[in-house]
């Protein structure tokens, strides 16, 4: 089993058991990057550090607008 699978299992198990899931710095950065990529308008930081979001937007300018629903006809 890979570390990523372990992390997913921890995330799924934590609410059922009531025990917190302990993650590595890489796990947290992955979760944060997913939140940045799916943000519509706002990103919050308890420590005023937006470096990940700034780097992601600079590398992928399409992230500036957030995801949009599209109607396919």
Foldseek 3Di string as FASTA:
>chain_A
DDPVVVQVVLVVCCVVVVHHRDDDPVVVLVVLLVCLQQDADDDDDPVPDCPSNVVVCVVPVVSVHHDDDDDDD
